Every structure is written in structure tokens, then in C-alpha cells.
Protein backbone atom coordinates (compact mmCIF):
# COMPACT_ATOMS: atom_id res chain seq x y z
CA UNK A 1 1.94 15.51 44.46
CA UNK A 2 5.72 15.20 44.98
CA UNK A 3 7.81 13.78 43.43
CA UNK A 4 8.93 11.13 45.36
CA UNK A 5 4.87 10.75 46.35
CA UNK A 6 3.71 8.69 43.70
CA UNK A 7 1.29 5.16 44.74
CA UNK A 8 3.80 2.61 45.88
CA UNK A 9 6.40 4.80 47.97
CA UNK A 10 4.02 6.78 49.69
CA UNK A 11 3.91 2.94 50.90
CA UNK A 12 7.60 3.47 52.25
CA UNK A 13 8.89 2.48 55.46
CA UNK A 14 9.51 5.67 57.84
CA UNK A 15 12.90 5.92 59.78
CA UNK A 16 13.45 7.08 62.97
CA UNK A 17 16.71 8.07 62.36
CA UNK A 18 17.52 7.89 65.43
CA UNK A 19 21.92 8.20 66.42
CA UNK A 20 21.42 5.43 68.72
CA UNK A 21 20.08 2.61 66.35
CA UNK A 22 21.71 4.53 63.00
CA UNK A 23 24.65 3.54 61.19
CA UNK A 24 26.46 4.90 58.48
CA UNK A 25 27.37 3.09 55.73
CA UNK A 26 29.90 3.91 52.92
CA UNK A 27 30.48 2.15 50.06
CA UNK A 28 33.63 1.20 47.87
CA UNK A 29 35.18 4.67 48.44
CA UNK A 30 38.44 2.99 47.23
CA UNK A 31 41.02 4.38 44.74
CA UNK A 32 40.22 1.22 43.08
CA UNK A 33 37.91 2.67 41.02
CA UNK A 34 37.44 6.18 43.38
CA UNK A 35 40.37 8.88 41.91
CA UNK A 36 42.02 9.33 37.89
CA UNK A 37 44.79 8.67 39.13
CA UNK A 38 44.90 4.94 40.07
CA UNK A 39 42.77 1.67 39.29
CA UNK A 40 39.58 2.63 37.28
CA UNK A 41 40.77 6.14 36.51
CA UNK A 42 44.31 5.10 35.31
CA UNK A 43 43.54 2.32 33.39
CA UNK A 44 40.84 4.63 31.19
CA UNK A 45 43.12 7.37 30.47
CA UNK A 46 45.71 4.05 29.34
CA UNK A 47 43.25 3.75 27.66
CA UNK A 48 42.15 7.44 26.04
CA UNK A 49 39.10 7.57 27.38
CA UNK A 50 39.36 9.09 30.50
CA UNK A 51 36.40 12.07 29.44
CA UNK A 52 33.96 8.56 29.28
CA UNK A 53 34.51 8.80 33.41
CA UNK A 54 35.36 12.68 33.88
CA UNK A 55 31.35 13.15 35.51
CA UNK A 56 31.72 10.23 38.32
CA UNK A 57 35.55 11.76 39.35
CA UNK A 58 34.15 15.34 39.40
CA UNK A 59 30.65 13.75 41.53
CA UNK A 60 32.83 12.03 43.99
CA UNK A 61 35.50 15.26 44.34
CA UNK A 62 32.66 17.19 44.40
CA UNK A 63 29.77 16.18 46.82
CA UNK A 64 29.90 12.38 47.29
CA UNK A 65 33.80 12.65 49.80
CA UNK A 66 33.25 16.40 51.36
CA UNK A 67 29.35 15.45 52.01
CA UNK A 68 30.28 12.13 52.95
CA UNK A 69 32.84 12.94 55.60
CA UNK A 70 30.31 15.95 57.28
CA UNK A 71 28.39 12.69 58.28
CA UNK A 72 31.67 10.47 59.48
CA UNK A 73 32.58 13.56 61.24
CA UNK A 74 29.04 14.24 62.65
CA UNK A 75 29.06 10.02 63.29
CA UNK A 76 32.22 9.85 65.31
CA UNK A 77 31.20 13.44 67.45
CA UNK A 78 28.34 11.89 68.41
CA UNK A 79 29.35 7.89 68.90
CA UNK A 80 26.84 7.05 66.59
CA UNK A 81 28.09 3.76 64.58
CA UNK A 82 30.28 3.67 60.69
CA UNK A 83 31.17 1.15 58.09
CA UNK A 84 33.18 1.46 55.52
CA UNK A 85 32.43 -1.23 52.67
CA UNK A 86 35.41 -2.85 50.65
CA UNK A 87 35.30 -4.64 46.92
CA UNK A 88 37.94 -6.90 45.63
CA UNK A 89 40.14 -10.36 46.03
CA UNK A 90 42.23 -11.18 48.98
CA UNK A 91 43.96 -13.02 47.00
CA UNK A 92 46.86 -12.79 44.53
CA UNK A 93 45.47 -14.36 41.63
CA UNK A 94 41.77 -13.36 42.24
CA UNK A 95 40.39 -16.36 41.94
CA UNK A 96 38.49 -16.06 45.12
CA UNK A 97 36.61 -13.70 42.69
CA UNK A 98 33.58 -15.33 40.27
CA UNK A 99 33.19 -13.82 37.07
CA UNK A 100 31.23 -11.26 37.79
CA UNK A 101 33.78 -9.69 39.42
CA UNK A 102 36.46 -11.46 37.96
CA UNK A 103 38.04 -8.47 35.34
CA UNK A 104 36.70 -5.75 36.95
CA UNK A 105 38.94 -5.92 40.01
CA UNK A 106 41.84 -8.03 37.94
CA UNK A 107 41.86 -5.01 35.35
CA UNK A 108 42.06 -2.17 38.50
CA UNK A 109 44.17 -4.15 40.13
CA UNK A 110 42.22 -4.15 42.87
CA UNK A 111 43.37 -7.53 45.67
CA UNK A 112 44.29 -6.67 48.93
CA UNK A 113 47.87 -5.13 49.63
CA UNK A 114 46.85 -2.94 46.72
CA UNK A 115 46.55 0.51 47.03
CA UNK A 116 43.70 0.37 44.63
CA UNK A 117 41.86 -1.94 47.56
CA UNK A 118 42.76 0.77 50.31
CA UNK A 119 39.74 3.56 51.07
CA UNK A 120 40.16 7.57 50.09
CA UNK A 121 43.06 9.27 53.04
CA UNK A 122 40.56 11.96 53.04
CA UNK A 123 38.05 8.89 54.97
CA UNK A 124 40.11 6.52 56.07
CA UNK A 125 38.11 4.01 58.92
CA UNK A 126 39.64 4.87 62.23
CA UNK A 127 40.58 1.41 64.70
CA UNK A 128 37.11 1.40 65.42
CA UNK A 129 35.20 1.78 62.67
CA UNK A 130 34.35 -2.01 60.86
CA UNK A 131 36.14 -2.53 57.30
CA UNK A 132 33.89 -4.71 55.55
CA UNK A 133 35.50 -6.10 52.17
CA UNK A 134 32.44 -8.10 49.77
CA UNK A 135 32.92 -10.28 46.25
CA UNK A 136 29.99 -9.34 45.17
CA UNK A 137 27.78 -5.85 44.46
CA UNK A 138 25.51 -6.52 47.45
CA UNK A 139 27.27 -6.78 51.30
CA UNK A 140 25.35 -9.06 51.90
CA UNK A 141 25.55 -11.94 49.41
CA UNK A 142 29.76 -12.52 50.45
CA UNK A 143 30.25 -10.51 53.66
CA UNK A 144 29.15 -10.49 57.47
CA UNK A 145 27.81 -6.91 57.58
CA UNK A 146 24.18 -8.57 58.64
CA UNK A 147 25.81 -10.20 62.06
CA UNK A 148 27.68 -6.68 62.42
CA UNK A 149 24.71 -4.63 62.21
CA UNK A 150 22.81 -7.30 64.33
CA UNK A 151 25.27 -7.07 66.67
CA UNK A 152 25.41 -3.55 66.75
CA UNK A 153 22.07 -3.05 67.58
CA UNK A 154 21.65 -1.74 64.64
CA UNK A 155 17.70 -0.44 62.85
CA UNK A 156 18.33 2.07 60.27
CA UNK A 157 20.91 2.79 57.43
CA UNK A 158 22.09 5.67 55.61
CA UNK A 159 23.69 4.81 52.46
CA UNK A 160 26.99 7.58 50.42
CA UNK A 161 29.23 6.33 47.55
CA UNK A 162 29.71 4.78 44.14
CA UNK A 163 28.41 3.69 42.56
CA UNK A 164 24.53 5.16 43.23
CA UNK A 165 23.10 2.55 40.76
CA UNK A 166 25.48 -0.02 41.35
CA UNK A 167 27.09 -1.69 44.60
CA UNK A 168 24.71 1.08 46.53
CA UNK A 169 21.56 0.10 45.39
CA UNK A 170 22.07 -3.44 45.42
CA UNK A 171 22.94 -3.05 49.34
CA UNK A 172 20.43 -0.86 50.21
CA UNK A 173 17.35 -3.45 47.94
CA UNK A 174 18.90 -6.71 50.40
CA UNK A 175 19.13 -4.20 53.65
CA UNK A 176 15.69 -3.09 53.24
CA UNK A 177 14.77 -7.14 52.35
CA UNK A 178 16.30 -7.70 55.72
CA UNK A 179 13.95 -5.27 57.45
CA UNK A 180 16.44 -2.66 57.78
CA UNK A 181 15.45 1.39 57.55
CA UNK A 182 17.23 3.04 54.43
CA UNK A 183 18.14 6.38 53.74
CA UNK A 184 20.29 6.91 50.24
CA UNK A 185 21.79 10.60 51.13
CA UNK A 186 21.67 11.51 47.05
CA UNK A 187 24.05 14.69 46.99
CA UNK A 188 26.62 12.18 48.94
CA UNK A 189 26.78 9.18 46.42
CA UNK A 190 27.25 9.40 42.86
CA UNK A 191 27.32 7.27 39.90
CA UNK A 192 29.07 7.14 36.55
CA UNK A 193 25.73 9.57 34.84
CA UNK A 194 23.27 11.79 36.63
CA UNK A 195 21.03 9.82 33.90
CA UNK A 196 22.36 6.76 36.58
CA UNK A 197 21.87 7.83 39.34
CA UNK A 198 18.54 10.11 38.84
CA UNK A 199 17.22 6.17 37.88
CA UNK A 200 18.35 4.76 41.04
CA UNK A 201 17.13 7.07 42.55
CA UNK A 202 13.66 6.55 40.85
CA UNK A 203 13.61 3.28 42.24
CA UNK A 204 15.22 3.25 45.03
CA UNK A 205 12.18 4.97 46.61
CA UNK A 206 10.10 2.40 45.88
CA UNK A 207 9.70 0.77 49.19
CA UNK A 208 13.35 0.62 49.10
CA UNK A 209 14.40 3.63 51.51
CA UNK A 210 14.50 7.56 51.22
CA UNK A 211 16.55 9.44 49.70
CA UNK A 212 17.69 12.62 51.22
CA UNK A 213 20.28 15.31 51.28
CA UNK A 214 23.15 15.79 53.30
CA UNK A 215 21.44 18.80 55.13
CA UNK A 216 18.13 17.12 56.21
CA UNK A 217 19.64 14.16 57.33
CA UNK A 218 22.35 16.29 59.45
CA UNK A 219 19.00 18.04 60.88
CA UNK A 220 17.04 14.62 61.94
CA UNK A 221 20.19 13.05 63.48
CA UNK A 222 20.65 16.39 65.75
CA UNK A 223 17.31 16.27 66.23
CA UNK A 224 17.37 12.69 67.45
CA UNK A 225 15.44 11.62 64.90
CA UNK A 226 12.88 14.04 64.26
CA UNK A 227 9.95 14.59 61.74
CA UNK A 228 8.67 11.29 60.07
CA UNK A 229 11.08 10.54 56.90
CA UNK A 230 8.41 11.08 54.64
CA UNK A 231 9.14 14.46 55.09
CA UNK A 232 12.69 14.52 55.11
CA UNK A 233 12.22 13.09 51.60
CA UNK A 234 10.47 15.74 49.92
CA UNK A 235 12.50 18.34 51.64
CA UNK A 236 15.36 17.14 49.14
CA UNK A 237 14.12 19.28 46.43
CA UNK A 238 14.34 22.43 48.48
CA UNK A 239 17.73 21.63 49.66
CA UNK A 240 19.11 21.29 46.25
CA UNK A 241 19.24 17.53 45.94
CA UNK A 242 19.50 17.31 42.28
CA UNK A 243 22.91 19.45 42.56
CA UNK A 244 24.70 17.83 39.15
CA UNK A 245 28.83 18.47 38.08
């Protein structure tokens, strides 16, 4: 039995990954927490704690950005829907944020109009790509994402971005609860440690969705959906999905 096939995950619903009804969801690839030089990276450097986030930023640089860009390029070329999520305050004093998010955003200068609130230049959205800001870890609790996805006629979602065990996981869980088919693109997501990332992947495959590599997802999309999602999840290991940094 494959690691993905425990006695609960065998019941995880299949996904089609038909490009006409699939949307790429790029989660929080921002200057607030996505680089060493701004936001969180700069704050930790000032505190003398930069080494604590070395895994995170290396993972983003070497895996999350390149693989998200591959998926973005395919989606753009083939007209598949894509949306970008951000988080942060939309007012100057951060007063629209609850206590869960207030201090993190204030400490990392994450509010509209600041560099930290912007999406990384390498992944800059185009004019026809919706950017959706949220003020909670899950986009479904504090943004119009569900209305937008329903308007697009979307059925399945592909998740990339950071952090796997925080905003990616929270949004994917809520998406599954609302009936969307979900795939976490393993080598296009990252967290503060491999352990956090692995733990999220282990739990999410149990009824919430499937864990696939970028290669597997692109192959499935190119074939118009291709073989069953569970086969795609098994292929993750063969594709080197545990490529750490």
C-alpha cells in the first residue's frame, strides 16, 4: 500500500483536472513573507534570527517560485483560470485585522500600498488575473473567492504557495468543504520546515484532496484530465516529491 493510501485517504474524491474547469490558486507569494530582504526576512535579520528562516526562503527560491511559474505559464498559454491570494491590511493602521493577524502584518509592514503587500515580481499577475486579498488564513472566511470561482465555473483547484501548513492548508480545507476538488502541488508549496510541510501533506490527503508534483499536474492537464487522481497522487513519490532543500 502506498503512503497516500491509508484507510481514510482511499475515500478522497477524485479530481478531473480538466483545464476548462480547473483554477490555479497561488497563495501569498508576497514580499511580506517571501524574501530574505523584505518583511519577515528583514525583521528576522534585524533580530539576529535570519538562520531560522533559511529553509523557508531557500525552498521558495528553489522550488516554489520556479514550479509555480511553470504552472502559471501553462495556464496562461492554455487559457486556464488562475487567481492570486494575498493577505494583509487594507488600511494604514491595520485596524481591519483581528488579533490573529494584526501583529504579524504590522511587524512585517504588510498593508496595501507597501512593497511587502505586493506579489513577487517573478509571478506578477496580469490584467486578466484576479488578485484576492484576505485577512484570515483561509480565503473562504474573509474574501469573495467562492463567488469568483463559482462565476468562473471552476470545479477543481490547484494550490501553490506558502505556507503549506498555514494559509494553503486552511484555504484548501475550506475549499474541499465547499465541494471543490483540490490538489496541493507538493513541489510548488513551502513552509518554515520540512516537518511542517510534510505534516500538512499527510493530513490533507485524507478527504481534503490530493498531493501531486508539478510534473504530474502538467501531464494531467495536458491530457485534459487524464488518469484518476489517486494514480496521480501515487506518482508523486516517483517524481521526487520529497525534494527538500
